[in-house]
Amino acid sequence: MSEIVITKITVVDADGQRTSHSRRYVLSKSDLEEYRESIVQNGNDVDHILFVYEEVGDD
């Protein structure tokens, strides 16, 4: 299964304010949407989320 390494996450709220986190998260590609949903559920007024990532491995 293909994996991705997220190196930066930027959360943008409804007012356009950005909060960035630079960490390494290794996820399977299929878990990315579930991870995004968990950020939305735990955040306040999340408008959108930007991920900087690279793919590692093959399906």
C-alpha atoms as a PDB file:
ATOM      1  CA  MET A   1       0.000   0.000   0.000  1.00  0.00           C
ATOM      2  CA  SER A   2       1.213   3.478  -0.835  1.00  0.00           C
ATOM      3  CA  GLU A   3       2.153   5.767   2.029  1.00  0.00           C
ATOM      4  CA  ILE A   4       2.550   9.500   2.257  1.00  0.00           C
ATOM      5  CA  VAL A   5       4.725  11.611   4.523  1.00  0.00           C
ATOM      6  CA  ILE A   6       3.072  14.875   5.543  1.00  0.00           C
ATOM      7  CA  THR A   7       5.702  17.495   6.354  1.00  0.00           C
ATOM      8  CA  LYS A   8       3.494  20.550   6.930  1.00  0.00           C
ATOM      9  CA  ILE A   9      -0.164  21.120   7.744  1.00  0.00           C
ATOM     10  CA  THR A  10      -1.789  24.548   7.441  1.00  0.00           C
ATOM     11  CA  VAL A  11      -5.285  25.036   8.820  1.00  0.00           C
ATOM     12  CA  VAL A  12      -7.205  28.078   7.579  1.00  0.00           C
ATOM     13  CA  ASP A  13     -10.192  29.292   9.563  1.00  0.00           C
ATOM     14  CA  ALA A  14     -13.302  31.061   8.279  1.00  0.00           C
ATOM     15  CA  ASP A  15     -11.645  34.478   8.805  1.00  0.00           C
ATOM     16  CA  GLY A  16      -8.635  33.505   6.688  1.00  0.00           C
ATOM     17  CA  GLN A  17      -6.260  33.151   9.636  1.00  0.00           C
ATOM     18  CA  ARG A  18      -3.670  30.416   9.146  1.00  0.00           C
ATOM     19  CA  THR A  19      -2.064  28.115  11.669  1.00  0.00           C
ATOM     20  CA  SER A  20       0.791  25.905  10.464  1.00  0.00           C
ATOM     21  CA  HIS A  21       2.381  22.828  11.984  1.00  0.00           C
ATOM     22  CA  SER A  22       5.652  21.404  10.682  1.00  0.00           C
ATOM     23  CA  ARG A  23       5.961  17.763  11.691  1.00  0.00           C
ATOM     24  CA  ARG A  24       6.369  14.432   9.962  1.00  0.00           C
ATOM     25  CA  TYR A  25       3.269  12.262   9.811  1.00  0.00           C
ATOM     26  CA  VAL A  26       3.404   8.950   7.979  1.00  0.00           C
ATOM     27  CA  LEU A  27       0.010   7.692   6.814  1.00  0.00           C
ATOM     28  CA  SER A  28      -1.302   5.259   4.302  1.00  0.00           C
ATOM     29  CA  LYS A  29      -2.754   7.158   1.367  1.00  0.00           C
ATOM     30  CA  SER A  30      -6.200   5.748   2.121  1.00  0.00           C
ATOM     31  CA  ASP A  31      -6.134   7.244   5.662  1.00  0.00           C
ATOM     32  CA  LEU A  32      -5.579  10.848   4.530  1.00  0.00           C
ATOM     33  CA  GLU A  33      -9.279  11.752   4.300  1.00  0.00           C
ATOM     34  CA  GLU A  34      -9.983  10.285   7.756  1.00  0.00           C
ATOM     35  CA  TYR A  35      -7.056  12.284   9.168  1.00  0.00           C
ATOM     36  CA  ARG A  36      -8.381  15.474   7.535  1.00  0.00           C
ATOM     37  CA  GLU A  37     -11.818  14.869   9.025  1.00  0.00           C
ATOM     38  CA  SER A  38     -10.319  14.437  12.506  1.00  0.00           C
ATOM     39  CA  ILE A  39      -8.605  17.839  12.179  1.00  0.00           C
ATOM     40  CA  VAL A  40     -11.907  19.445  11.139  1.00  0.00           C
ATOM     41  CA  GLN A  41     -13.755  17.859  14.076  1.00  0.00           C
ATOM     42  CA  ASN A  42     -11.118  19.025  16.587  1.00  0.00           C
ATOM     43  CA  GLY A  43     -10.746  22.555  15.192  1.00  0.00           C
ATOM     44  CA  ASN A  44     -12.786  25.712  15.507  1.00  0.00           C
ATOM     45  CA  ASP A  45     -14.286  27.179  12.318  1.00  0.00           C
ATOM     46  CA  VAL A  46     -11.952  25.256   9.993  1.00  0.00           C
ATOM     47  CA  ASP A  47     -12.483  26.486   6.447  1.00  0.00           C
ATOM     48  CA  HIS A  48      -9.855  24.376   4.712  1.00  0.00           C
ATOM     49  CA  ILE A  49      -6.658  22.423   5.308  1.00  0.00           C
ATOM     50  CA  LEU A  50      -3.490  22.423   3.228  1.00  0.00           C
ATOM     51  CA  PHE A  51      -1.080  19.484   3.328  1.00  0.00           C
ATOM     52  CA  VAL A  52       2.500  19.453   2.076  1.00  0.00           C
ATOM     53  CA  TYR A  53       3.407  15.821   1.527  1.00  0.00           C
ATOM     54  CA  GLU A  54       5.320  13.354  -0.578  1.00  0.00           C
ATOM     55  CA  GLU A  55       4.422   9.836  -1.609  1.00  0.00           C
ATOM     56  CA  VAL A  56       6.648   6.976  -0.519  1.00  0.00           C
ATOM     57  CA  GLY A  57       6.248   3.359  -1.570  1.00  0.00           C
ATOM     58  CA  ASP A  58       4.063   1.781  -4.217  1.00  0.00           C
ATOM     59  CA  ASP A  59       0.685   0.082  -4.241  1.00  0.00           C
END
